[in-house]
Amino acid sequence: MNRKRKIAVVVTARPSYSRVKTAIQAIKNHPELELQLIVAASALLDRYGSAVNYIKKDGFEIHAKVFNVLEGENLTAAAKTTGIGILELSTVFDNLKPDIVVTVADRFETMATAIAASYMNIPLAHIQGGEVTGNIDEKVRHAITKLADYHFVASESAKERVIKLGEEPDFVYNTGCPSIDLAKDVQTSNLDFDPYQKYGE
């Protein structure tokens, strides 16, 4: 019997969790995959809206936590936080030995994930590359694109940008943003909602 492939998903902020929640669920439900959920950086901090309670409420097991946010709220702290993230995530990846690492979007913590996985020769999948914002996030996003092996973009224009950056078209997939699944669920639940049944006439 073939062993399950281990998929490490790194969540570094609460918005990132909401973006990939349905993808995480799909990995968990797949009979040939083993989910390794890693929560790091601001996703662990209450002042940024810790994602941990939401993750546990949704029934996911957290396999590792990485506390790497340096106080300061300035550019120096952001740069150092990235460095600490590389150190800590490298240890986590060495312990979990994933077959692939999944990272989301464009924050500096995401850069740490990409660098750690790349230097450890672990295939990297990047969600939401190829987008344009005109700030430091755009530089980070494009840098992660060059480090990633698989690209799951949210639009055709994003797909074109990733390919123009030199990535192999066969490994660039326009899946849309996974959070659209949540919007669909809300829409479906609203269509099924009967106010008279709940509140009476």
N, C-alpha and C. Protein backbone atom coordinates (compact mmCIF):
# COMPACT_ATOMS: atom_id res chain seq x y z
N MET A 1 0.84 -1.20 0.00
CA MET A 1 0.00 0.00 0.00
C MET A 1 0.88 1.25 0.00
N ASN A 2 0.59 2.18 -0.90
CA ASN A 2 1.36 3.42 -0.96
C ASN A 2 1.05 4.30 0.24
N ARG A 3 2.10 4.99 0.73
CA ARG A 3 1.86 5.89 1.86
C ARG A 3 1.18 7.15 1.38
N LYS A 4 0.51 7.81 2.29
CA LYS A 4 -0.15 9.07 1.95
C LYS A 4 0.90 10.16 1.73
N ARG A 5 0.65 11.05 0.81
CA ARG A 5 1.53 12.19 0.59
C ARG A 5 1.22 13.27 1.63
N LYS A 6 2.25 13.78 2.25
CA LYS A 6 2.08 14.74 3.33
C LYS A 6 2.07 16.16 2.78
N ILE A 7 0.97 16.88 3.02
CA ILE A 7 0.79 18.24 2.51
C ILE A 7 0.82 19.20 3.69
N ALA A 8 1.88 19.99 3.79
CA ALA A 8 2.00 20.97 4.87
C ALA A 8 1.44 22.31 4.41
N VAL A 9 0.41 22.78 5.09
CA VAL A 9 -0.18 24.09 4.79
C VAL A 9 0.21 25.05 5.90
N VAL A 10 0.85 26.15 5.52
CA VAL A 10 1.30 27.12 6.52
C VAL A 10 0.36 28.33 6.52
N VAL A 11 -0.28 28.56 7.65
CA VAL A 11 -1.20 29.69 7.81
C VAL A 11 -0.50 30.72 8.69
N THR A 12 -0.30 31.93 8.15
CA THR A 12 0.46 32.95 8.89
C THR A 12 -0.38 34.15 9.31
N ALA A 13 -1.67 34.18 8.93
CA ALA A 13 -2.54 35.28 9.31
C ALA A 13 -3.99 34.80 9.23
N ARG A 14 -4.86 35.41 10.02
CA ARG A 14 -6.26 34.98 10.02
C ARG A 14 -6.91 35.09 8.65
N PRO A 15 -6.68 36.20 7.89
CA PRO A 15 -7.27 36.26 6.55
C PRO A 15 -6.79 35.13 5.63
N SER A 16 -5.54 34.70 5.83
CA SER A 16 -5.01 33.60 5.02
C SER A 16 -5.77 32.31 5.30
N TYR A 17 -6.15 32.11 6.56
CA TYR A 17 -6.91 30.91 6.91
C TYR A 17 -8.26 30.90 6.20
N SER A 18 -8.95 32.04 6.22
CA SER A 18 -10.26 32.08 5.57
C SER A 18 -10.14 31.84 4.07
N ARG A 19 -9.01 32.27 3.48
CA ARG A 19 -8.81 32.05 2.05
C ARG A 19 -8.67 30.57 1.70
N VAL A 20 -8.01 29.82 2.56
CA VAL A 20 -7.67 28.44 2.19
C VAL A 20 -8.42 27.38 3.01
N LYS A 21 -9.39 27.81 3.78
CA LYS A 21 -10.12 26.87 4.64
C LYS A 21 -10.70 25.69 3.86
N THR A 22 -11.34 25.97 2.72
CA THR A 22 -11.95 24.88 1.96
C THR A 22 -10.90 23.99 1.31
N ALA A 23 -9.77 24.57 0.95
CA ALA A 23 -8.67 23.75 0.40
C ALA A 23 -8.11 22.83 1.48
N ILE A 24 -7.97 23.36 2.69
CA ILE A 24 -7.49 22.55 3.81
C ILE A 24 -8.46 21.39 4.06
N GLN A 25 -9.75 21.69 4.02
CA GLN A 25 -10.75 20.64 4.23
C GLN A 25 -10.66 19.57 3.15
N ALA A 26 -10.43 20.00 1.91
CA ALA A 26 -10.32 19.04 0.81
C ALA A 26 -9.11 18.13 0.98
N ILE A 27 -8.00 18.71 1.44
CA ILE A 27 -6.80 17.89 1.70
C ILE A 27 -7.08 16.88 2.81
N LYS A 28 -7.71 17.37 3.88
CA LYS A 28 -8.02 16.49 5.01
C LYS A 28 -8.92 15.32 4.59
N ASN A 29 -9.86 15.59 3.70
CA ASN A 29 -10.83 14.57 3.29
C ASN A 29 -10.29 13.61 2.23
N HIS A 30 -9.17 13.98 1.59
CA HIS A 30 -8.65 13.15 0.49
C HIS A 30 -8.01 11.88 1.05
N PRO A 31 -8.38 10.72 0.56
CA PRO A 31 -7.89 9.46 1.12
C PRO A 31 -6.40 9.21 0.89
N GLU A 32 -5.79 9.92 -0.07
CA GLU A 32 -4.39 9.68 -0.37
C GLU A 32 -3.46 10.78 0.15
N LEU A 33 -4.03 11.73 0.91
CA LEU A 33 -3.25 12.84 1.42
C LEU A 33 -3.30 12.91 2.94
N GLU A 34 -2.22 13.40 3.52
CA GLU A 34 -2.14 13.62 4.96
C GLU A 34 -1.91 15.12 5.21
N LEU A 35 -2.85 15.76 5.88
CA LEU A 35 -2.74 17.19 6.15
C LEU A 35 -1.81 17.45 7.32
N GLN A 36 -0.86 18.37 7.12
CA GLN A 36 0.00 18.86 8.20
C GLN A 36 -0.23 20.37 8.29
N LEU A 37 -0.97 20.79 9.29
CA LEU A 37 -1.34 22.20 9.41
C LEU A 37 -0.38 22.92 10.36
N ILE A 38 0.26 23.95 9.84
CA ILE A 38 1.23 24.74 10.61
C ILE A 38 0.68 26.15 10.75
N VAL A 39 0.58 26.64 11.98
CA VAL A 39 0.07 27.99 12.24
C VAL A 39 1.23 28.82 12.78
N ALA A 40 1.42 29.99 12.18
CA ALA A 40 2.60 30.80 12.52
C ALA A 40 2.26 32.28 12.57
N ALA A 41 3.23 33.04 13.08
CA ALA A 41 3.23 34.51 13.01
C ALA A 41 1.96 35.12 13.59
N SER A 42 1.38 36.10 12.90
CA SER A 42 0.25 36.85 13.45
C SER A 42 -1.00 36.00 13.61
N ALA A 43 -1.07 34.86 12.94
CA ALA A 43 -2.23 33.97 13.09
C ALA A 43 -2.34 33.42 14.50
N LEU A 44 -1.26 33.53 15.28
CA LEU A 44 -1.25 33.03 16.65
C LEU A 44 -1.51 34.13 17.68
N LEU A 45 -1.53 35.39 17.25
CA LEU A 45 -1.59 36.50 18.19
C LEU A 45 -3.00 37.06 18.34
N ASP A 46 -3.42 37.23 19.59
CA ASP A 46 -4.78 37.70 19.86
C ASP A 46 -5.03 39.09 19.30
N ARG A 47 -4.02 39.96 19.33
CA ARG A 47 -4.27 41.34 18.90
C ARG A 47 -4.52 41.43 17.39
N TYR A 48 -4.14 40.40 16.65
CA TYR A 48 -4.44 40.37 15.22
C TYR A 48 -5.63 39.45 14.91
N GLY A 49 -6.27 38.96 15.96
CA GLY A 49 -7.39 38.05 15.77
C GLY A 49 -6.92 36.63 15.56
N SER A 50 -6.44 36.00 16.63
CA SER A 50 -5.87 34.66 16.54
C SER A 50 -6.78 33.71 15.76
N ALA A 51 -6.17 32.99 14.84
CA ALA A 51 -6.93 32.04 14.02
C ALA A 51 -7.09 30.68 14.69
N VAL A 52 -6.38 30.47 15.79
CA VAL A 52 -6.33 29.14 16.40
C VAL A 52 -7.71 28.65 16.82
N ASN A 53 -8.49 29.51 17.48
CA ASN A 53 -9.82 29.08 17.93
C ASN A 53 -10.72 28.71 16.75
N TYR A 54 -10.63 29.49 15.67
CA TYR A 54 -11.42 29.19 14.48
C TYR A 54 -11.00 27.85 13.86
N ILE A 55 -9.70 27.64 13.82
CA ILE A 55 -9.17 26.41 13.23
C ILE A 55 -9.63 25.19 14.01
N LYS A 56 -9.52 25.27 15.33
CA LYS A 56 -9.93 24.14 16.18
C LYS A 56 -11.44 23.93 16.11
N LYS A 57 -12.20 25.03 16.06
CA LYS A 57 -13.66 24.93 15.97
C LYS A 57 -14.07 24.25 14.69
N ASP A 58 -13.30 24.45 13.63
CA ASP A 58 -13.60 23.84 12.34
C ASP A 58 -13.15 22.39 12.27
N GLY A 59 -12.53 21.89 13.35
CA GLY A 59 -12.19 20.48 13.42
C GLY A 59 -10.83 20.10 12.88
N PHE A 60 -9.94 21.09 12.72
CA PHE A 60 -8.60 20.80 12.20
C PHE A 60 -7.60 20.65 13.34
N GLU A 61 -6.70 19.71 13.18
CA GLU A 61 -5.60 19.53 14.13
C GLU A 61 -4.42 20.39 13.71
N ILE A 62 -3.85 21.11 14.66
CA ILE A 62 -2.67 21.92 14.39
C ILE A 62 -1.43 21.09 14.72
N HIS A 63 -0.57 20.88 13.74
CA HIS A 63 0.59 20.01 13.92
C HIS A 63 1.81 20.75 14.45
N ALA A 64 1.86 22.06 14.23
CA ALA A 64 2.98 22.85 14.74
C ALA A 64 2.58 24.31 14.83
N LYS A 65 3.13 25.00 15.84
CA LYS A 65 2.94 26.44 15.99
C LYS A 65 4.30 27.10 15.95
N VAL A 66 4.39 28.21 15.23
CA VAL A 66 5.65 28.94 15.10
C VAL A 66 5.44 30.38 15.57
N PHE A 67 5.98 30.69 16.75
CA PHE A 67 5.89 32.04 17.29
C PHE A 67 7.13 32.81 16.85
N ASN A 68 6.95 33.69 15.87
CA ASN A 68 8.13 34.36 15.32
C ASN A 68 7.96 35.86 15.11
N VAL A 69 6.84 36.43 15.57
CA VAL A 69 6.62 37.86 15.37
C VAL A 69 7.41 38.66 16.40
N LEU A 70 8.28 39.53 15.91
CA LEU A 70 9.09 40.38 16.77
C LEU A 70 8.35 41.69 17.01
N GLU A 71 8.30 42.13 18.27
CA GLU A 71 7.63 43.39 18.58
C GLU A 71 8.35 44.56 17.92
N GLY A 72 7.56 45.61 17.65
CA GLY A 72 8.18 46.79 17.10
C GLY A 72 7.30 47.53 16.13
N GLU A 73 6.48 46.78 15.37
CA GLU A 73 5.57 47.39 14.41
C GLU A 73 6.30 48.33 13.45
N ASN A 74 7.51 47.93 13.01
CA ASN A 74 8.25 48.76 12.05
C ASN A 74 8.93 47.85 11.03
N LEU A 75 9.61 48.46 10.06
CA LEU A 75 10.21 47.69 8.98
C LEU A 75 11.34 46.78 9.46
N THR A 76 12.09 47.24 10.45
CA THR A 76 13.16 46.41 11.00
C THR A 76 12.60 45.16 11.64
N ALA A 77 11.51 45.34 12.40
CA ALA A 77 10.86 44.19 13.05
C ALA A 77 10.32 43.21 12.01
N ALA A 78 9.78 43.75 10.92
CA ALA A 78 9.26 42.88 9.86
C ALA A 78 10.37 42.05 9.24
N ALA A 79 11.51 42.69 8.97
CA ALA A 79 12.65 41.98 8.38
C ALA A 79 13.16 40.89 9.33
N LYS A 80 13.27 41.23 10.61
CA LYS A 80 13.76 40.26 11.59
C LYS A 80 12.76 39.13 11.80
N THR A 81 11.46 39.46 11.77
CA THR A 81 10.43 38.43 11.88
C THR A 81 10.55 37.42 10.75
N THR A 82 10.86 37.91 9.55
CA THR A 82 11.06 37.01 8.41
C THR A 82 12.23 36.07 8.67
N GLY A 83 13.32 36.61 9.20
CA GLY A 83 14.48 35.79 9.49
C GLY A 83 14.20 34.73 10.53
N ILE A 84 13.50 35.12 11.60
CA ILE A 84 13.13 34.16 12.65
C ILE A 84 12.23 33.08 12.07
N GLY A 85 11.31 33.50 11.17
CA GLY A 85 10.42 32.54 10.55
C GLY A 85 11.16 31.49 9.74
N ILE A 86 12.19 31.90 9.02
CA ILE A 86 13.00 30.94 8.26
C ILE A 86 13.64 29.92 9.20
N LEU A 87 14.21 30.40 10.30
CA LEU A 87 14.85 29.51 11.27
C LEU A 87 13.85 28.51 11.85
N GLU A 88 12.71 29.00 12.31
CA GLU A 88 11.75 28.14 12.99
C GLU A 88 11.03 27.19 12.03
N LEU A 89 10.64 27.70 10.88
CA LEU A 89 9.95 26.84 9.92
C LEU A 89 10.86 25.76 9.36
N SER A 90 12.14 26.05 9.23
CA SER A 90 13.08 25.02 8.78
C SER A 90 13.09 23.84 9.73
N THR A 91 13.05 24.13 11.03
CA THR A 91 13.00 23.05 12.03
C THR A 91 11.70 22.27 11.93
N VAL A 92 10.59 22.98 11.77
CA VAL A 92 9.29 22.32 11.64
C VAL A 92 9.26 21.41 10.41
N PHE A 93 9.74 21.92 9.28
CA PHE A 93 9.75 21.11 8.06
C PHE A 93 10.66 19.89 8.22
N ASP A 94 11.77 20.06 8.90
CA ASP A 94 12.69 18.94 9.14
C ASP A 94 12.02 17.86 9.99
N ASN A 95 11.20 18.30 10.94
CA ASN A 95 10.51 17.33 11.81
C ASN A 95 9.34 16.65 11.10
N LEU A 96 8.55 17.41 10.35
CA LEU A 96 7.35 16.87 9.72
C LEU A 96 7.64 16.16 8.39
N LYS A 97 8.71 16.57 7.73
CA LYS A 97 9.10 16.00 6.44
C LYS A 97 7.95 15.94 5.44
N PRO A 98 7.38 17.09 5.11
CA PRO A 98 6.27 17.11 4.14
C PRO A 98 6.76 16.81 2.73
N ASP A 99 5.84 16.33 1.90
CA ASP A 99 6.15 16.10 0.49
C ASP A 99 5.99 17.39 -0.31
N ILE A 100 5.18 18.30 0.19
CA ILE A 100 4.99 19.60 -0.45
C ILE A 100 4.52 20.59 0.61
N VAL A 101 4.88 21.85 0.43
CA VAL A 101 4.47 22.92 1.34
C VAL A 101 3.57 23.87 0.57
N VAL A 102 2.46 24.28 1.19
CA VAL A 102 1.53 25.22 0.59
C VAL A 102 1.60 26.54 1.35
N THR A 103 1.80 27.64 0.62
CA THR A 103 1.86 28.95 1.24
C THR A 103 0.88 29.89 0.54
N VAL A 104 0.45 30.92 1.26
CA VAL A 104 -0.65 31.76 0.78
C VAL A 104 -0.23 33.23 0.68
N ALA A 105 -0.51 33.83 -0.47
CA ALA A 105 -0.49 35.28 -0.67
C ALA A 105 0.89 35.90 -0.58
N ASP A 106 1.09 36.94 0.24
CA ASP A 106 2.21 37.85 -0.01
C ASP A 106 2.79 38.53 1.23
N ARG A 107 2.47 38.09 2.41
CA ARG A 107 3.02 38.73 3.60
C ARG A 107 4.47 38.31 3.80
N PHE A 108 5.19 39.06 4.65
CA PHE A 108 6.60 38.72 4.87
C PHE A 108 6.77 37.36 5.52
N GLU A 109 5.77 36.93 6.30
CA GLU A 109 5.84 35.59 6.88
C GLU A 109 5.75 34.52 5.79
N THR A 110 5.02 34.86 4.72
CA THR A 110 4.91 33.94 3.59
C THR A 110 6.26 33.78 2.90
N MET A 111 7.00 34.85 2.85
CA MET A 111 8.36 34.79 2.28
C MET A 111 9.23 33.83 3.08
N ALA A 112 9.11 33.86 4.39
CA ALA A 112 9.88 32.95 5.24
C ALA A 112 9.54 31.49 4.91
N THR A 113 8.27 31.21 4.73
CA THR A 113 7.84 29.86 4.36
C THR A 113 8.46 29.43 3.05
N ALA A 114 8.41 30.33 2.06
CA ALA A 114 8.93 30.01 0.73
C ALA A 114 10.43 29.75 0.74
N ILE A 115 11.16 30.59 1.45
CA ILE A 115 12.62 30.43 1.51
C ILE A 115 13.00 29.13 2.21
N ALA A 116 12.36 28.87 3.35
CA ALA A 116 12.69 27.65 4.11
C ALA A 116 12.42 26.41 3.28
N ALA A 117 11.25 26.34 2.64
CA ALA A 117 10.92 25.16 1.83
C ALA A 117 11.87 25.01 0.65
N SER A 118 12.16 26.13 -0.02
CA SER A 118 12.99 26.07 -1.23
C SER A 118 14.40 25.59 -0.92
N TYR A 119 15.01 26.13 0.13
CA TYR A 119 16.37 25.73 0.48
C TYR A 119 16.45 24.31 1.00
N MET A 120 15.30 23.76 1.43
CA MET A 120 15.27 22.37 1.90
C MET A 120 14.83 21.42 0.79
N ASN A 121 14.71 21.96 -0.45
CA ASN A 121 14.32 21.16 -1.62
C ASN A 121 12.96 20.49 -1.43
N ILE A 122 12.05 21.20 -0.76
CA ILE A 122 10.68 20.72 -0.63
C ILE A 122 9.84 21.48 -1.66
N PRO A 123 9.12 20.77 -2.53
CA PRO A 123 8.28 21.47 -3.51
C PRO A 123 7.33 22.45 -2.83
N LEU A 124 7.16 23.61 -3.47
CA LEU A 124 6.37 24.69 -2.89
C LEU A 124 5.20 25.03 -3.79
N ALA A 125 4.00 25.07 -3.22
CA ALA A 125 2.80 25.51 -3.93
C ALA A 125 2.39 26.87 -3.39
N HIS A 126 2.16 27.82 -4.30
CA HIS A 126 1.82 29.19 -3.91
C HIS A 126 0.42 29.53 -4.38
N ILE A 127 -0.40 30.00 -3.45
CA ILE A 127 -1.77 30.41 -3.76
C ILE A 127 -1.84 31.92 -3.89
N GLN A 128 -2.45 32.39 -4.95
CA GLN A 128 -2.70 33.81 -5.23
C GLN A 128 -1.46 34.60 -5.63
N GLY A 129 -0.61 34.01 -6.43
CA GLY A 129 0.48 34.74 -7.03
C GLY A 129 -0.02 35.53 -8.24
N GLY A 130 0.87 36.37 -8.79
CA GLY A 130 0.57 37.06 -10.03
C GLY A 130 -0.30 38.29 -9.92
N GLU A 131 -0.66 38.70 -8.70
CA GLU A 131 -1.52 39.87 -8.54
C GLU A 131 -0.68 41.14 -8.41
N VAL A 132 -1.30 42.27 -8.63
CA VAL A 132 -0.60 43.56 -8.64
C VAL A 132 -1.19 44.49 -7.59
N THR A 133 -0.33 45.01 -6.72
CA THR A 133 -0.78 45.94 -5.68
C THR A 133 0.06 47.21 -5.64
N GLY A 134 1.29 47.15 -6.17
CA GLY A 134 2.11 48.35 -6.22
C GLY A 134 2.83 48.69 -4.94
N ASN A 135 2.91 47.78 -3.98
CA ASN A 135 3.64 48.03 -2.74
C ASN A 135 4.60 46.87 -2.46
N ILE A 136 5.12 46.80 -1.24
CA ILE A 136 6.10 45.76 -0.89
C ILE A 136 5.50 44.37 -1.05
N ASP A 137 4.19 44.24 -0.83
CA ASP A 137 3.55 42.94 -0.99
C ASP A 137 3.73 42.40 -2.40
N GLU A 138 3.71 43.29 -3.39
CA GLU A 138 3.88 42.85 -4.78
C GLU A 138 5.28 42.27 -5.00
N LYS A 139 6.29 42.92 -4.45
CA LYS A 139 7.66 42.39 -4.55
C LYS A 139 7.75 41.01 -3.91
N VAL A 140 7.15 40.89 -2.73
CA VAL A 140 7.18 39.61 -2.02
C VAL A 140 6.44 38.55 -2.82
N ARG A 141 5.28 38.91 -3.35
CA ARG A 141 4.47 37.96 -4.11
C ARG A 141 5.22 37.43 -5.33
N HIS A 142 5.85 38.34 -6.07
CA HIS A 142 6.59 37.91 -7.26
C HIS A 142 7.83 37.09 -6.89
N ALA A 143 8.48 37.45 -5.79
CA ALA A 143 9.64 36.67 -5.34
C ALA A 143 9.23 35.25 -4.97
N ILE A 144 8.09 35.12 -4.30
CA ILE A 144 7.60 33.79 -3.94
C ILE A 144 7.23 33.00 -5.19
N THR A 145 6.70 33.69 -6.19
CA THR A 145 6.40 33.02 -7.47
C THR A 145 7.66 32.36 -8.03
N LYS A 146 8.78 33.06 -7.98
CA LYS A 146 10.02 32.50 -8.52
C LYS A 146 10.55 31.35 -7.66
N LEU A 147 10.17 31.30 -6.40
CA LEU A 147 10.61 30.20 -5.53
C LEU A 147 9.66 29.01 -5.61
N ALA A 148 8.43 29.25 -6.04
CA ALA A 148 7.41 28.20 -6.03
C ALA A 148 7.52 27.27 -7.25
N ASP A 149 7.01 26.07 -7.07
CA ASP A 149 6.99 25.07 -8.13
C ASP A 149 5.60 24.92 -8.75
N TYR A 150 4.58 25.18 -7.96
CA TYR A 150 3.19 25.08 -8.42
C TYR A 150 2.47 26.37 -8.05
N HIS A 151 1.62 26.84 -8.96
CA HIS A 151 1.00 28.15 -8.79
C HIS A 151 -0.52 28.01 -8.95
N PHE A 152 -1.25 28.43 -7.93
CA PHE A 152 -2.71 28.41 -7.96
C PHE A 152 -3.20 29.85 -7.89
N VAL A 153 -3.49 30.41 -9.05
CA VAL A 153 -3.80 31.84 -9.14
C VAL A 153 -5.31 32.06 -9.16
N ALA A 154 -5.70 33.33 -8.96
CA ALA A 154 -7.12 33.65 -8.79
C ALA A 154 -7.78 34.22 -10.03
N SER A 155 -7.01 34.49 -11.09
CA SER A 155 -7.60 35.09 -12.29
C SER A 155 -6.73 34.79 -13.50
N GLU A 156 -7.29 35.02 -14.69
CA GLU A 156 -6.53 34.81 -15.92
C GLU A 156 -5.39 35.82 -16.05
N SER A 157 -5.63 37.06 -15.63
CA SER A 157 -4.56 38.07 -15.71
C SER A 157 -3.41 37.70 -14.78
N ALA A 158 -3.72 37.16 -13.61
CA ALA A 158 -2.67 36.71 -12.69
C ALA A 158 -1.90 35.54 -13.30
N LYS A 159 -2.61 34.64 -13.95
CA LYS A 159 -1.96 33.51 -14.61
C LYS A 159 -0.99 33.99 -15.68
N GLU A 160 -1.42 34.97 -16.46
CA GLU A 160 -0.55 35.51 -17.51
C GLU A 160 0.71 36.13 -16.92
N ARG A 161 0.58 36.86 -15.81
CA ARG A 161 1.75 37.49 -15.18
C ARG A 161 2.74 36.44 -14.67
N VAL A 162 2.22 35.39 -14.05
CA VAL A 162 3.09 34.33 -13.53
C VAL A 162 3.86 33.67 -14.68
N ILE A 163 3.19 33.42 -15.78
CA ILE A 163 3.85 32.81 -16.94
C ILE A 163 4.89 33.77 -17.53
N LYS A 164 4.57 35.07 -17.57
CA LYS A 164 5.52 36.05 -18.08
C LYS A 164 6.75 36.17 -17.18
N LEU A 165 6.60 35.80 -15.91
CA LEU A 165 7.75 35.77 -15.00
C LEU A 165 8.67 34.59 -15.29
N GLY A 166 8.24 33.73 -16.21
CA GLY A 166 9.10 32.62 -16.62
C GLY A 166 8.69 31.27 -16.07
N GLU A 167 7.52 31.19 -15.44
CA GLU A 167 7.09 29.92 -14.87
C GLU A 167 6.48 29.02 -15.94
N GLU A 168 6.63 27.72 -15.76
CA GLU A 168 6.14 26.74 -16.71
C GLU A 168 4.61 26.76 -16.74
N PRO A 169 4.00 27.04 -17.90
CA PRO A 169 2.54 27.14 -17.98
C PRO A 169 1.79 25.91 -17.47
N ASP A 170 2.38 24.72 -17.64
CA ASP A 170 1.71 23.50 -17.19
C ASP A 170 1.56 23.43 -15.67
N PHE A 171 2.29 24.29 -14.95
CA PHE A 171 2.22 24.26 -13.50
C PHE A 171 1.56 25.52 -12.93
N VAL A 172 0.85 26.24 -13.78
CA VAL A 172 0.11 27.43 -13.36
C VAL A 172 -1.37 27.15 -13.57
N TYR A 173 -2.15 27.15 -12.49
CA TYR A 173 -3.55 26.78 -12.54
C TYR A 173 -4.43 27.94 -12.08
N ASN A 174 -5.37 28.32 -12.91
CA ASN A 174 -6.33 29.35 -12.52
C ASN A 174 -7.48 28.68 -11.78
N THR A 175 -7.37 28.63 -10.46
CA THR A 175 -8.38 27.98 -9.63
C THR A 175 -9.36 28.97 -9.04
N GLY A 176 -9.08 30.29 -9.19
CA GLY A 176 -9.86 31.28 -8.46
C GLY A 176 -9.42 31.28 -7.01
N CYS A 177 -9.81 32.30 -6.27
CA CYS A 177 -9.49 32.34 -4.84
C CYS A 177 -10.33 31.31 -4.11
N PRO A 178 -9.71 30.43 -3.29
CA PRO A 178 -10.49 29.41 -2.58
C PRO A 178 -11.60 29.98 -1.69
N SER A 179 -11.45 31.25 -1.26
CA SER A 179 -12.47 31.84 -0.37
C SER A 179 -13.81 32.00 -1.08
N ILE A 180 -13.83 31.90 -2.41
CA ILE A 180 -15.10 32.00 -3.13
C ILE A 180 -16.02 30.85 -2.73
N ASP A 181 -15.42 29.74 -2.29
CA ASP A 181 -16.22 28.60 -1.82
C ASP A 181 -17.04 29.00 -0.60
N LEU A 182 -16.45 29.83 0.28
CA LEU A 182 -17.17 30.28 1.47
C LEU A 182 -18.35 31.16 1.07
N ALA A 183 -18.12 32.04 0.09
CA ALA A 183 -19.20 32.92 -0.38
C ALA A 183 -20.34 32.08 -0.95
N LYS A 184 -19.99 31.03 -1.67
CA LYS A 184 -21.02 30.15 -2.24
C LYS A 184 -21.82 29.48 -1.14
N ASP A 185 -21.12 29.04 -0.08
CA ASP A 185 -21.81 28.39 1.04
C ASP A 185 -22.78 29.35 1.71
N VAL A 186 -22.34 30.60 1.90
CA VAL A 186 -23.20 31.60 2.53
C VAL A 186 -24.42 31.87 1.65
N GLN A 187 -24.17 32.00 0.34
CA GLN A 187 -25.27 32.24 -0.58
C GLN A 187 -26.28 31.10 -0.56
N THR A 188 -25.76 29.88 -0.54
CA THR A 188 -26.64 28.70 -0.52
C THR A 188 -27.45 28.64 0.75
N SER A 189 -26.80 28.94 1.89
CA SER A 189 -27.51 28.89 3.17
C SER A 189 -28.57 29.97 3.24
N ASN A 190 -28.30 31.13 2.63
CA ASN A 190 -29.29 32.21 2.62
C ASN A 190 -30.50 31.84 1.77
N LEU A 191 -30.27 31.11 0.67
CA LEU A 191 -31.37 30.69 -0.18
C LEU A 191 -32.27 29.69 0.54
N ASP A 192 -31.64 28.89 1.42
CA ASP A 192 -32.39 27.88 2.16
C ASP A 192 -33.04 28.45 3.42
N PHE A 193 -32.72 29.70 3.77
CA PHE A 193 -33.17 30.28 5.02
C PHE A 193 -34.63 30.72 4.94
N ASP A 194 -35.44 30.26 5.87
CA ASP A 194 -36.85 30.63 5.94
C ASP A 194 -37.09 31.40 7.23
N PRO A 195 -37.24 32.75 7.16
CA PRO A 195 -37.38 33.54 8.38
C PRO A 195 -38.64 33.19 9.17
N TYR A 196 -39.68 32.74 8.48
CA TYR A 196 -40.91 32.39 9.19
C TYR A 196 -40.73 31.13 10.02
N GLN A 197 -39.91 30.21 9.47
CA GLN A 197 -39.65 28.97 10.20
C GLN A 197 -38.87 29.24 11.48
N LYS A 198 -37.94 30.23 11.41
CA LYS A 198 -37.11 30.50 12.57
C LYS A 198 -37.79 31.43 13.57
N TYR A 199 -38.46 32.47 13.05
CA TYR A 199 -38.97 33.49 13.95
C TYR A 199 -40.50 33.46 14.10
N GLY A 200 -41.17 32.73 13.22
CA GLY A 200 -42.63 32.74 13.25
C GLY A 200 -43.19 33.96 12.56
N GLU A 201 -44.46 33.98 12.34
CA GLU A 201 -45.09 35.11 11.65
C GLU A 201 -45.24 36.31 12.58
